[in-house]
C-alpha cells in the first residue's frame, strides 16, 4: 500500500514515473484544483 496518497487515475509513464490526478495544492495556501502529478516508483518499492 502507498499509504496516505490522495490521488486518482493512476497510470505509469514510459519514464518509469507514476502519474496521477490530485486536487492538492503544490504550496501552502495554493489553489486546490485537480492537477496532473508524477512521482518515481522503483521496482523495490521505493517511491519519490
ModelCIF file with pLDDT and N, C-alpha, C, O atoms, coordinates in Angstrom:
data_MODEL
#
_entry.id   MODEL 
#
_entity.id                         1 
_entity.type                       polymer 
_entity.pdbx_number_of_molecules   1 
#
_entity_poly.entity_id                      1 
_entity_poly.type                           'polypeptide(L)' 
_entity_poly.nstd_linkage                   no 
_entity_poly.nstd_monomer                   no 
_entity_poly.pdbx_seq_one_letter_code       
;(UNK)(UNK)(UNK)(UNK)(UNK)(UNK)(UNK)(UNK)(UNK)(UNK)(UNK)(UNK)(UNK)(UNK)(UNK)(UNK)
(UNK)(UNK)(UNK)(UNK)(UNK)(UNK)(UNK)(UNK)(UNK)(UNK)(UNK)(UNK)(UNK)(UNK)(UNK)(UNK)
(UNK)(UNK)(UNK)(UNK)(UNK)(UNK)(UNK)(UNK)(UNK)(UNK)(UNK)(UNK)(UNK)(UNK)(UNK)(UNK)
;
_entity_poly.pdbx_seq_one_letter_code_can   XXXXXXXXXXXXXXXXXXXXXXXXXXXXXXXXXXXXXXXXXXXXXXXX 
_entity_poly.pdbx_strand_id                 A 
#
loop_
_entity_poly_seq.entity_id 
_entity_poly_seq.num 
_entity_poly_seq.mon_id 
_entity_poly_seq.hetero 
1 1  UNK n 
1 2  UNK n 
1 3  UNK n 
1 4  UNK n 
1 5  UNK n 
1 6  UNK n 
1 7  UNK n 
1 8  UNK n 
1 9  UNK n 
1 10 UNK n 
1 11 UNK n 
1 12 UNK n 
1 13 UNK n 
1 14 UNK n 
1 15 UNK n 
1 16 UNK n 
1 17 UNK n 
1 18 UNK n 
1 19 UNK n 
1 20 UNK n 
1 21 UNK n 
1 22 UNK n 
1 23 UNK n 
1 24 UNK n 
1 25 UNK n 
1 26 UNK n 
1 27 UNK n 
1 28 UNK n 
1 29 UNK n 
1 30 UNK n 
1 31 UNK n 
1 32 UNK n 
1 33 UNK n 
1 34 UNK n 
1 35 UNK n 
1 36 UNK n 
1 37 UNK n 
1 38 UNK n 
1 39 UNK n 
1 40 UNK n 
1 41 UNK n 
1 42 UNK n 
1 43 UNK n 
1 44 UNK n 
1 45 UNK n 
1 46 UNK n 
1 47 UNK n 
1 48 UNK n 
#
_struct_asym.id          A 
_struct_asym.entity_id   1 
#
loop_
_ma_qa_metric.id 
_ma_qa_metric.mode 
_ma_qa_metric.name 
_ma_qa_metric.software_group_id 
_ma_qa_metric.type 
1 global pLDDT . pLDDT 
2 local  pLDDT . pLDDT 
#
_ma_qa_metric_global.metric_id      1 
_ma_qa_metric_global.metric_value   88.88 
_ma_qa_metric_global.model_id       1 
_ma_qa_metric_global.ordinal_id     1 
#
loop_
_ma_qa_metric_local.label_asym_id 
_ma_qa_metric_local.label_comp_id 
_ma_qa_metric_local.label_seq_id 
_ma_qa_metric_local.metric_id 
_ma_qa_metric_local.metric_value 
_ma_qa_metric_local.model_id 
_ma_qa_metric_local.ordinal_id 
A UNK 1  2 91.00 1 1  
A UNK 2  2 88.00 1 2  
A UNK 3  2 82.00 1 3  
A UNK 4  2 73.00 1 4  
A UNK 5  2 85.00 1 5  
A UNK 6  2 88.00 1 6  
A UNK 7  2 94.00 1 7  
A UNK 8  2 95.00 1 8  
A UNK 9  2 97.00 1 9  
A UNK 10 2 97.00 1 10 
A UNK 11 2 97.00 1 11 
A UNK 12 2 97.00 1 12 
A UNK 13 2 96.00 1 13 
A UNK 14 2 94.00 1 14 
A UNK 15 2 93.00 1 15 
A UNK 16 2 91.00 1 16 
A UNK 17 2 95.00 1 17 
A UNK 18 2 96.00 1 18 
A UNK 19 2 98.00 1 19 
A UNK 20 2 97.00 1 20 
A UNK 21 2 97.00 1 21 
A UNK 22 2 96.00 1 22 
A UNK 23 2 93.00 1 23 
A UNK 24 2 89.00 1 24 
A UNK 25 2 86.00 1 25 
A UNK 26 2 86.00 1 26 
A UNK 27 2 83.00 1 27 
A UNK 28 2 80.00 1 28 
A UNK 29 2 80.00 1 29 
A UNK 30 2 83.00 1 30 
A UNK 31 2 87.00 1 31 
A UNK 32 2 90.00 1 32 
A UNK 33 2 94.00 1 33 
A UNK 34 2 96.00 1 34 
A UNK 35 2 97.00 1 35 
A UNK 36 2 98.00 1 36 
A UNK 37 2 97.00 1 37 
A UNK 38 2 97.00 1 38 
A UNK 39 2 95.00 1 39 
A UNK 40 2 93.00 1 40 
A UNK 41 2 87.00 1 41 
A UNK 42 2 77.00 1 42 
A UNK 43 2 68.00 1 43 
A UNK 44 2 66.00 1 44 
A UNK 45 2 66.00 1 45 
A UNK 46 2 73.00 1 46 
A UNK 47 2 80.00 1 47 
A UNK 48 2 88.00 1 48 
#
loop_
_atom_site.group_PDB 
_atom_site.id 
_atom_site.type_symbol 
_atom_site.label_atom_id 
_atom_site.label_alt_id 
_atom_site.label_comp_id 
_atom_site.label_asym_id 
_atom_site.label_entity_id 
_atom_site.label_seq_id 
_atom_site.pdbx_PDB_ins_code 
_atom_site.Cartn_x 
_atom_site.Cartn_y 
_atom_site.Cartn_z 
_atom_site.occupancy 
_atom_site.B_iso_or_equiv 
_atom_site.pdbx_formal_charge 
_atom_site.auth_seq_id 
_atom_site.auth_comp_id 
_atom_site.auth_asym_id 
_atom_site.auth_atom_id 
_atom_site.pdbx_PDB_model_num 
ATOM 1   N N  . UNK A 1 1  ? 0.824  -1.204 0.000   1.00 91.00 ? 1  UNK A N  1 
ATOM 2   C CA . UNK A 1 1  ? 0.000  0.000  0.000   1.00 91.00 ? 1  UNK A CA 1 
ATOM 3   C C  . UNK A 1 1  ? 0.862  1.260  0.000   1.00 91.00 ? 1  UNK A C  1 
ATOM 4   O O  . UNK A 1 1  ? 1.833  1.366  0.750   1.00 91.00 ? 1  UNK A O  1 
ATOM 5   N N  . UNK A 1 2  ? 0.490  2.206  -0.853  1.00 88.00 ? 2  UNK A N  1 
ATOM 6   C CA . UNK A 1 2  ? 1.095  3.532  -0.841  1.00 88.00 ? 2  UNK A CA 1 
ATOM 7   C C  . UNK A 1 2  ? 0.250  4.392  0.082   1.00 88.00 ? 2  UNK A C  1 
ATOM 8   O O  . UNK A 1 2  ? -0.687 5.060  -0.353  1.00 88.00 ? 2  UNK A O  1 
ATOM 9   N N  . UNK A 1 3  ? 0.591  4.366  1.352   1.00 82.00 ? 3  UNK A N  1 
ATOM 10  C CA . UNK A 1 3  ? -0.259 4.952  2.376   1.00 82.00 ? 3  UNK A CA 1 
ATOM 11  C C  . UNK A 1 3  ? -0.403 6.459  2.199   1.00 82.00 ? 3  UNK A C  1 
ATOM 12  O O  . UNK A 1 3  ? 0.545  7.166  1.856   1.00 82.00 ? 3  UNK A O  1 
ATOM 13  N N  . UNK A 1 4  ? -1.627 6.922  2.448   1.00 73.00 ? 4  UNK A N  1 
ATOM 14  C CA . UNK A 1 4  ? -1.943 8.349  2.545   1.00 73.00 ? 4  UNK A CA 1 
ATOM 15  C C  . UNK A 1 4  ? -1.820 9.113  1.237   1.00 73.00 ? 4  UNK A C  1 
ATOM 16  O O  . UNK A 1 4  ? -1.869 10.343 1.244   1.00 73.00 ? 4  UNK A O  1 
ATOM 17  N N  . UNK A 1 5  ? -1.664 8.425  0.125   1.00 85.00 ? 5  UNK A N  1 
ATOM 18  C CA . UNK A 1 5  ? -1.613 9.107  -1.166  1.00 85.00 ? 5  UNK A CA 1 
ATOM 19  C C  . UNK A 1 5  ? -3.017 9.536  -1.563  1.00 85.00 ? 5  UNK A C  1 
ATOM 20  O O  . UNK A 1 5  ? -3.906 8.698  -1.712  1.00 85.00 ? 5  UNK A O  1 
ATOM 21  N N  . UNK A 1 6  ? -3.219 10.836 -1.735  1.00 88.00 ? 6  UNK A N  1 
ATOM 22  C CA . UNK A 1 6  ? -4.518 11.378 -2.140  1.00 88.00 ? 6  UNK A CA 1 
ATOM 23  C C  . UNK A 1 6  ? -4.483 11.546 -3.653  1.00 88.00 ? 6  UNK A C  1 
ATOM 24  O O  . UNK A 1 6  ? -3.941 12.531 -4.152  1.00 88.00 ? 6  UNK A O  1 
ATOM 25  N N  . UNK A 1 7  ? -5.053 10.601 -4.384  1.00 94.00 ? 7  UNK A N  1 
ATOM 26  C CA . UNK A 1 7  ? -4.894 10.603 -5.829  1.00 94.00 ? 7  UNK A CA 1 
ATOM 27  C C  . UNK A 1 7  ? -5.984 9.777  -6.486  1.00 94.00 ? 7  UNK A C  1 
ATOM 28  O O  . UNK A 1 7  ? -6.722 9.044  -5.827  1.00 94.00 ? 7  UNK A O  1 
ATOM 29  N N  . UNK A 1 8  ? -6.065 9.914  -7.804  1.00 95.00 ? 8  UNK A N  1 
ATOM 30  C CA . UNK A 1 8  ? -6.963 9.101  -8.624  1.00 95.00 ? 8  UNK A CA 1 
ATOM 31  C C  . UNK A 1 8  ? -6.335 8.958  -9.995  1.00 95.00 ? 8  UNK A C  1 
ATOM 32  O O  . UNK A 1 8  ? -5.352 9.629  -10.305 1.00 95.00 ? 8  UNK A O  1 
ATOM 33  N N  . UNK A 1 9  ? -6.901 8.083  -10.820 1.00 97.00 ? 9  UNK A N  1 
ATOM 34  C CA . UNK A 1 9  ? -6.476 7.935  -12.219 1.00 97.00 ? 9  UNK A CA 1 
ATOM 35  C C  . UNK A 1 9  ? -4.982 7.625  -12.333 1.00 97.00 ? 9  UNK A C  1 
ATOM 36  O O  . UNK A 1 9  ? -4.270 8.271  -13.102 1.00 97.00 ? 9  UNK A O  1 
ATOM 37  N N  . UNK A 1 10 ? -4.518 6.658  -11.587 1.00 97.00 ? 10 UNK A N  1 
ATOM 38  C CA . UNK A 1 10 ? -3.097 6.304  -11.613 1.00 97.00 ? 10 UNK A CA 1 
ATOM 39  C C  . UNK A 1 10 ? -2.721 5.669  -12.954 1.00 97.00 ? 10 UNK A C  1 
ATOM 40  O O  . UNK A 1 10 ? -3.465 4.850  -13.494 1.00 97.00 ? 10 UNK A O  1 
ATOM 41  N N  . UNK A 1 11 ? -1.561 6.056  -13.480 1.00 97.00 ? 11 UNK A N  1 
ATOM 42  C CA . UNK A 1 11 ? -1.080 5.500  -14.750 1.00 97.00 ? 11 UNK A CA 1 
ATOM 43  C C  . UNK A 1 11 ? 0.433  5.584  -14.784 1.00 97.00 ? 11 UNK A C  1 
ATOM 44  O O  . UNK A 1 11 ? 1.016  6.567  -14.328 1.00 97.00 ? 11 UNK A O  1 
ATOM 45  N N  . UNK A 1 12 ? 1.075  4.548  -15.327 1.00 97.00 ? 12 UNK A N  1 
ATOM 46  C CA . UNK A 1 12 ? 2.520  4.572  -15.496 1.00 97.00 ? 12 UNK A CA 1 
ATOM 47  C C  . UNK A 1 12 ? 2.888  5.316  -16.769 1.00 97.00 ? 12 UNK A C  1 
ATOM 48  O O  . UNK A 1 12 ? 2.221  5.188  -17.796 1.00 97.00 ? 12 UNK A O  1 
ATOM 49  N N  . UNK A 1 13 ? 3.961  6.097  -16.686 1.00 96.00 ? 13 UNK A N  1 
ATOM 50  C CA . UNK A 1 13 ? 4.535  6.708  -17.869 1.00 96.00 ? 13 UNK A CA 1 
ATOM 51  C C  . UNK A 1 13 ? 5.707  5.897  -18.365 1.00 96.00 ? 13 UNK A C  1 
ATOM 52  O O  . UNK A 1 13 ? 6.250  5.085  -17.615 1.00 96.00 ? 13 UNK A O  1 
ATOM 53  N N  . UNK A 1 14 ? 6.116  6.091  -19.613 1.00 94.00 ? 14 UNK A N  1 
ATOM 54  C CA . UNK A 1 14 ? 7.268  5.348  -20.138 1.00 94.00 ? 14 UNK A CA 1 
ATOM 55  C C  . UNK A 1 14 ? 8.574  5.714  -19.445 1.00 94.00 ? 14 UNK A C  1 
ATOM 56  O O  . UNK A 1 14 ? 9.571  5.008  -19.599 1.00 94.00 ? 14 UNK A O  1 
ATOM 57  N N  . UNK A 1 15 ? 8.585  6.812  -18.681 1.00 93.00 ? 15 UNK A N  1 
ATOM 58  C CA . UNK A 1 15 ? 9.774  7.231  -17.951 1.00 93.00 ? 15 UNK A CA 1 
ATOM 59  C C  . UNK A 1 15 ? 9.918  6.522  -16.607 1.00 93.00 ? 15 UNK A C  1 
ATOM 60  O O  . UNK A 1 15 ? 10.849 6.799  -15.851 1.00 93.00 ? 15 UNK A O  1 
ATOM 61  N N  . UNK A 1 16 ? 8.983  5.593  -16.308 1.00 91.00 ? 16 UNK A N  1 
ATOM 62  C CA . UNK A 1 16 ? 9.039  4.873  -15.050 1.00 91.00 ? 16 UNK A CA 1 
ATOM 63  C C  . UNK A 1 16 ? 8.348  5.573  -13.910 1.00 91.00 ? 16 UNK A C  1 
ATOM 64  O O  . UNK A 1 16 ? 8.257  5.027  -12.810 1.00 91.00 ? 16 UNK A O  1 
ATOM 65  N N  . UNK A 1 17 ? 7.859  6.774  -14.150 1.00 95.00 ? 17 UNK A N  1 
ATOM 66  C CA . UNK A 1 17 ? 7.137  7.510  -13.118 1.00 95.00 ? 17 UNK A CA 1 
ATOM 67  C C  . UNK A 1 17 ? 5.684  7.065  -13.060 1.00 95.00 ? 17 UNK A C  1 
ATOM 68  O O  . UNK A 1 17 ? 5.129  6.557  -14.034 1.00 95.00 ? 17 UNK A O  1 
ATOM 69  N N  . UNK A 1 18 ? 5.084  7.267  -11.897 1.00 96.00 ? 18 UNK A N  1 
ATOM 70  C CA . UNK A 1 18 ? 3.655  7.041  -11.725 1.00 96.00 ? 18 UNK A CA 1 
ATOM 71  C C  . UNK A 1 18 ? 2.957  8.387  -11.815 1.00 96.00 ? 18 UNK A C  1 
ATOM 72  O O  . UNK A 1 18 ? 3.235  9.293  -11.030 1.00 96.00 ? 18 UNK A O  1 
ATOM 73  N N  . UNK A 1 19 ? 2.044  8.517  -12.779 1.00 98.00 ? 19 UNK A N  1 
ATOM 74  C CA . UNK A 1 19 ? 1.293  9.750  -12.991 1.00 98.00 ? 19 UNK A CA 1 
ATOM 75  C C  . UNK A 1 19 ? -0.097 9.593  -12.374 1.00 98.00 ? 19 UNK A C  1 
ATOM 76  O O  . UNK A 1 19 ? -0.639 8.489  -12.330 1.00 98.00 ? 19 UNK A O  1 
ATOM 77  N N  . UNK A 1 20 ? -0.671 10.695 -11.901 1.00 97.00 ? 20 UNK A N  1 
ATOM 78  C CA . UNK A 1 20 ? -1.981 10.619 -11.265 1.00 97.00 ? 20 UNK A CA 1 
ATOM 79  C C  . UNK A 1 20 ? -2.595 12.010 -11.170 1.00 97.00 ? 20 UNK A C  1 
ATOM 80  O O  . UNK A 1 20 ? -1.922 13.020 -11.378 1.00 97.00 ? 20 UNK A O  1 
ATOM 81  N N  . UNK A 1 21 ? -3.883 12.042 -10.854 1.00 97.00 ? 21 UNK A N  1 
ATOM 82  C CA . UNK A 1 21 ? -4.597 13.288 -10.593 1.00 97.00 ? 21 UNK A CA 1 
ATOM 83  C C  . UNK A 1 21 ? -4.714 13.504 -9.096  1.00 97.00 ? 21 UNK A C  1 
ATOM 84  O O  . UNK A 1 21 ? -4.915 12.553 -8.340  1.00 97.00 ? 21 UNK A O  1 
ATOM 85  N N  . UNK A 1 22 ? -4.589 14.754 -8.668  1.00 96.00 ? 22 UNK A N  1 
ATOM 86  C CA . UNK A 1 22 ? -4.844 15.128 -7.281  1.00 96.00 ? 22 UNK A CA 1 
ATOM 87  C C  . UNK A 1 22 ? -5.222 16.601 -7.243  1.00 96.00 ? 22 UNK A C  1 
ATOM 88  O O  . UNK A 1 22 ? -4.694 17.406 -8.011  1.00 96.00 ? 22 UNK A O  1 
ATOM 89  N N  . UNK A 1 23 ? -6.141 16.951 -6.342  1.00 93.00 ? 23 UNK A N  1 
ATOM 90  C CA . UNK A 1 23 ? -6.526 18.353 -6.196  1.00 93.00 ? 23 UNK A CA 1 
ATOM 91  C C  . UNK A 1 23 ? -5.782 19.028 -5.047  1.00 93.00 ? 23 UNK A C  1 
ATOM 92  O O  . UNK A 1 23 ? -6.177 20.104 -4.599  1.00 93.00 ? 23 UNK A O  1 
ATOM 93  N N  . UNK A 1 24 ? -4.716 18.405 -4.572  1.00 89.00 ? 24 UNK A N  1 
ATOM 94  C CA . UNK A 1 24 ? -3.892 19.037 -3.549  1.00 89.00 ? 24 UNK A CA 1 
ATOM 95  C C  . UNK A 1 24 ? -3.176 20.253 -4.133  1.00 89.00 ? 24 UNK A C  1 
ATOM 96  O O  . UNK A 1 24 ? -2.872 20.293 -5.325  1.00 89.00 ? 24 UNK A O  1 
ATOM 97  N N  . UNK A 1 25 ? -2.910 21.238 -3.281  1.00 86.00 ? 25 UNK A N  1 
ATOM 98  C CA . UNK A 1 25 ? -2.174 22.424 -3.702  1.00 86.00 ? 25 UNK A CA 1 
ATOM 99  C C  . UNK A 1 25 ? -0.677 22.158 -3.615  1.00 86.00 ? 25 UNK A C  1 
ATOM 100 O O  . UNK A 1 25 ? -0.223 21.525 -2.662  1.00 86.00 ? 25 UNK A O  1 
ATOM 101 N N  . UNK A 1 26 ? 0.101  22.626 -4.590  1.00 86.00 ? 26 UNK A N  1 
ATOM 102 C CA . UNK A 1 26 ? 1.542  22.376 -4.557  1.00 86.00 ? 26 UNK A CA 1 
ATOM 103 C C  . UNK A 1 26 ? 2.281  23.192 -3.503  1.00 86.00 ? 26 UNK A C  1 
ATOM 104 O O  . UNK A 1 26 ? 3.416  22.874 -3.150  1.00 86.00 ? 26 UNK A O  1 
ATOM 105 N N  . UNK A 1 27 ? 1.634  24.246 -2.998  1.00 83.00 ? 27 UNK A N  1 
ATOM 106 C CA . UNK A 1 27 ? 2.267  25.030 -1.956  1.00 83.00 ? 27 UNK A CA 1 
ATOM 107 C C  . UNK A 1 27 ? 1.212  25.503 -0.975  1.00 83.00 ? 27 UNK A C  1 
ATOM 108 O O  . UNK A 1 27 ? 0.023  25.523 -1.294  1.00 83.00 ? 27 UNK A O  1 
ATOM 109 N N  . UNK A 1 28 ? 1.641  25.881 0.207   1.00 80.00 ? 28 UNK A N  1 
ATOM 110 C CA . UNK A 1 28 ? 0.744  26.335 1.261   1.00 80.00 ? 28 UNK A CA 1 
ATOM 111 C C  . UNK A 1 28 ? -0.109 27.495 0.761   1.00 80.00 ? 28 UNK A C  1 
ATOM 112 O O  . UNK A 1 28 ? 0.410  28.488 0.251   1.00 80.00 ? 28 UNK A O  1 
ATOM 113 N N  . UNK A 1 29 ? -1.434 27.354 0.916   1.00 80.00 ? 29 UNK A N  1 
ATOM 114 C CA . UNK A 1 29 ? -2.351 28.423 0.510   1.00 80.00 ? 29 UNK A CA 1 
ATOM 115 C C  . UNK A 1 29 ? -2.648 28.444 -0.966  1.00 80.00 ? 29 UNK A C  1 
ATOM 116 O O  . UNK A 1 29 ? -3.348 29.342 -1.433  1.00 80.00 ? 29 UNK A O  1 
ATOM 117 N N  . UNK A 1 30 ? -2.135 27.470 -1.731  1.00 83.00 ? 30 UNK A N  1 
ATOM 118 C CA . UNK A 1 30 ? -2.356 27.443 -3.164  1.00 83.00 ? 30 UNK A CA 1 
ATOM 119 C C  . UNK A 1 30 ? -3.761 27.010 -3.536  1.00 83.00 ? 30 UNK A C  1 
ATOM 120 O O  . UNK A 1 30 ? -4.520 26.521 -2.700  1.00 83.00 ? 30 UNK A O  1 
ATOM 121 N N  . UNK A 1 31 ? -4.093 27.198 -4.803  1.00 87.00 ? 31 UNK A N  1 
ATOM 122 C CA . UNK A 1 31 ? -5.413 26.855 -5.311  1.00 87.00 ? 31 UNK A CA 1 
ATOM 123 C C  . UNK A 1 31 ? -5.567 25.338 -5.366  1.00 87.00 ? 31 UNK A C  1 
ATOM 124 O O  . UNK A 1 31 ? -4.713 24.643 -5.917  1.00 87.00 ? 31 UNK A O  1 
ATOM 125 N N  . UNK A 1 32 ? -6.644 24.833 -4.800  1.00 90.00 ? 32 UNK A N  1 
ATOM 126 C CA . UNK A 1 32 ? -6.901 23.398 -4.805  1.00 90.00 ? 32 UNK A CA 1 
ATOM 127 C C  . UNK A 1 32 ? -7.783 23.037 -5.994  1.00 90.00 ? 32 UNK A C  1 
ATOM 128 O O  . UNK A 1 32 ? -9.010 23.073 -5.901  1.00 90.00 ? 32 UNK A O  1 
ATOM 129 N N  . UNK A 1 33 ? -7.160 22.695 -7.091  1.00 94.00 ? 33 UNK A N  1 
ATOM 130 C CA . UNK A 1 33 ? -7.838 22.207 -8.286  1.00 94.00 ? 33 UNK A CA 1 
ATOM 131 C C  . UNK A 1 33 ? -7.141 20.926 -8.720  1.00 94.00 ? 33 UNK A C  1 
ATOM 132 O O  . UNK A 1 33 ? -6.011 20.654 -8.316  1.00 94.00 ? 33 UNK A O  1 
ATOM 133 N N  . UNK A 1 34 ? -7.814 20.157 -9.531  1.00 96.00 ? 34 UNK A N  1 
ATOM 134 C CA . UNK A 1 34 ? -7.252 18.885 -9.983  1.00 96.00 ? 34 UNK A CA 1 
ATOM 135 C C  . UNK A 1 34 ? -6.111 19.132 -10.967 1.00 96.00 ? 34 UNK A C  1 
ATOM 136 O O  . UNK A 1 34 ? -6.290 19.788 -11.993 1.00 96.00 ? 34 UNK A O  1 
ATOM 137 N N  . UNK A 1 35 ? -4.940 18.599 -10.640 1.00 97.00 ? 35 UNK A N  1 
ATOM 138 C CA . UNK A 1 35 ? -3.753 18.702 -11.484 1.00 97.00 ? 35 UNK A CA 1 
ATOM 139 C C  . UNK A 1 35 ? -3.221 17.308 -11.785 1.00 97.00 ? 35 UNK A C  1 
ATOM 140 O O  . UNK A 1 35 ? -3.580 16.331 -11.128 1.00 97.00 ? 35 UNK A O  1 
ATOM 141 N N  . UNK A 1 36 ? -2.347 17.239 -12.804 1.00 98.00 ? 36 UNK A N  1 
ATOM 142 C CA . UNK A 1 36 ? -1.617 16.009 -13.070 1.00 98.00 ? 36 UNK A CA 1 
ATOM 143 C C  . UNK A 1 36 ? -0.282 16.082 -12.332 1.00 98.00 ? 36 UNK A C  1 
ATOM 144 O O  . UNK A 1 36 ? 0.435  17.079 -12.417 1.00 98.00 ? 36 UNK A O  1 
ATOM 145 N N  . UNK A 1 37 ? 0.039  15.004 -11.604 1.00 97.00 ? 37 UNK A N  1 
ATOM 146 C CA . UNK A 1 37 ? 1.286  14.887 -10.871 1.00 97.00 ? 37 UNK A CA 1 
ATOM 147 C C  . UNK A 1 37 ? 2.013  13.619 -11.324 1.00 97.00 ? 37 UNK A C  1 
ATOM 148 O O  . UNK A 1 37 ? 1.451  12.763 -12.009 1.00 97.00 ? 37 UNK A O  1 
ATOM 149 N N  . UNK A 1 38 ? 3.280  13.530 -10.917 1.00 97.00 ? 38 UNK A N  1 
ATOM 150 C CA . UNK A 1 38 ? 4.012  12.284 -11.110 1.00 97.00 ? 38 UNK A CA 1 
ATOM 151 C C  . UNK A 1 38 ? 4.981  12.086 -9.953  1.00 97.00 ? 38 UNK A C  1 
ATOM 152 O O  . UNK A 1 38 ? 5.395  13.043 -9.298  1.00 97.00 ? 38 UNK A O  1 
ATOM 153 N N  . UNK A 1 39 ? 5.334  10.828 -9.714  1.00 95.00 ? 39 UNK A N  1 
ATOM 154 C CA . UNK A 1 39 ? 6.398  10.532 -8.766  1.00 95.00 ? 39 UNK A CA 1 
ATOM 155 C C  . UNK A 1 39 ? 7.049  9.217  -9.174  1.00 95.00 ? 39 UNK A C  1 
ATOM 156 O O  . UNK A 1 39 ? 6.410  8.339  -9.756  1.00 95.00 ? 39 UNK A O  1 
ATOM 157 N N  . UNK A 1 40 ? 8.323  9.105  -8.858  1.00 93.00 ? 40 UNK A N  1 
ATOM 158 C CA . UNK A 1 40 ? 9.104  7.947  -9.258  1.00 93.00 ? 40 UNK A CA 1 
ATOM 159 C C  . UNK A 1 40 ? 8.703  6.727  -8.433  1.00 93.00 ? 40 UNK A C  1 
ATOM 160 O O  . UNK A 1 40 ? 8.474  6.826  -7.228  1.00 93.00 ? 40 UNK A O  1 
ATOM 161 N N  . UNK A 1 41 ? 8.623  5.578  -9.099  1.00 87.00 ? 41 UNK A N  1 
ATOM 162 C CA . UNK A 1 41 ? 8.352  4.311  -8.423  1.00 87.00 ? 41 UNK A CA 1 
ATOM 163 C C  . UNK A 1 41 ? 9.433  3.331  -8.860  1.00 87.00 ? 41 UNK A C  1 
ATOM 164 O O  . UNK A 1 41 ? 9.591  3.066  -10.052 1.00 87.00 ? 41 UNK A O  1 
ATOM 165 N N  . UNK A 1 42 ? 10.178 2.793  -7.893  1.00 77.00 ? 42 UNK A N  1 
ATOM 166 C CA . UNK A 1 42 ? 11.239 1.846  -8.197  1.00 77.00 ? 42 UNK A CA 1 
ATOM 167 C C  . UNK A 1 42 ? 10.759 0.416  -7.994  1.00 77.00 ? 42 UNK A C  1 
ATOM 168 O O  . UNK A 1 42 ? 9.830  0.184  -7.221  1.00 77.00 ? 42 UNK A O  1 
ATOM 169 N N  . UNK A 1 43 ? 11.375 -0.543 -8.672  1.00 68.00 ? 43 UNK A N  1 
ATOM 170 C CA . UNK A 1 43 ? 10.951 -1.944 -8.529  1.00 68.00 ? 43 UNK A CA 1 
ATOM 171 C C  . UNK A 1 43 ? 11.003 -2.464 -7.098  1.00 68.00 ? 43 UNK A C  1 
ATOM 172 O O  . UNK A 1 43 ? 10.240 -3.360 -6.737  1.00 68.00 ? 43 UNK A O  1 
ATOM 173 N N  . UNK A 1 44 ? 11.903 -1.904 -6.272  1.00 66.00 ? 44 UNK A N  1 
ATOM 174 C CA . UNK A 1 44 ? 11.993 -2.391 -4.897  1.00 66.00 ? 44 UNK A CA 1 
ATOM 175 C C  . UNK A 1 44 ? 10.965 -1.745 -3.972  1.00 66.00 ? 44 UNK A C  1 
ATOM 176 O O  . UNK A 1 44 ? 10.969 -1.994 -2.766  1.00 66.00 ? 44 UNK A O  1 
ATOM 177 N N  . UNK A 1 45 ? 10.084 -0.912 -4.536  1.00 66.00 ? 45 UNK A N  1 
ATOM 178 C CA . UNK A 1 45 ? 9.020  -0.333 -3.736  1.00 66.00 ? 45 UNK A CA 1 
ATOM 179 C C  . UNK A 1 45 ? 9.270  1.078  -3.258  1.00 66.00 ? 45 UNK A C  1 
ATOM 180 O O  . UNK A 1 45 ? 8.374  1.700  -2.688  1.00 66.00 ? 45 UNK A O  1 
ATOM 181 N N  . UNK A 1 46 ? 10.481 1.606  -3.477  1.00 73.00 ? 46 UNK A N  1 
ATOM 182 C CA . UNK A 1 46 ? 10.726 2.987  -3.082  1.00 73.00 ? 46 UNK A CA 1 
ATOM 183 C C  . UNK A 1 46 ? 9.957  3.943  -3.990  1.00 73.00 ? 46 UNK A C  1 
ATOM 184 O O  . UNK A 1 46 ? 9.789  3.707  -5.187  1.00 73.00 ? 46 UNK A O  1 
ATOM 185 N N  . UNK A 1 47 ? 9.502  5.024  -3.378  1.00 80.00 ? 47 UNK A N  1 
ATOM 186 C CA . UNK A 1 47 ? 8.689  5.998  -4.104  1.00 80.00 ? 47 UNK A CA 1 
ATOM 187 C C  . UNK A 1 47 ? 9.244  7.386  -3.851  1.00 80.00 ? 47 UNK A C  1 
ATOM 188 O O  . UNK A 1 47 ? 9.612  7.721  -2.725  1.00 80.00 ? 47 UNK A O  1 
ATOM 189 N N  . UNK A 1 48 ? 9.303  8.196  -4.905  1.00 88.00 ? 48 UNK A N  1 
ATOM 190 C CA . UNK A 1 48 ? 9.929  9.509  -4.813  1.00 88.00 ? 48 UNK A CA 1 
ATOM 191 C C  . UNK A 1 48 ? 8.986  10.631 -4.438  1.00 88.00 ? 48 UNK A C  1 
ATOM 192 O O  . UNK A 1 48 ? 9.407  11.783 -4.332  1.00 88.00 ? 48 UNK A O  1 
#
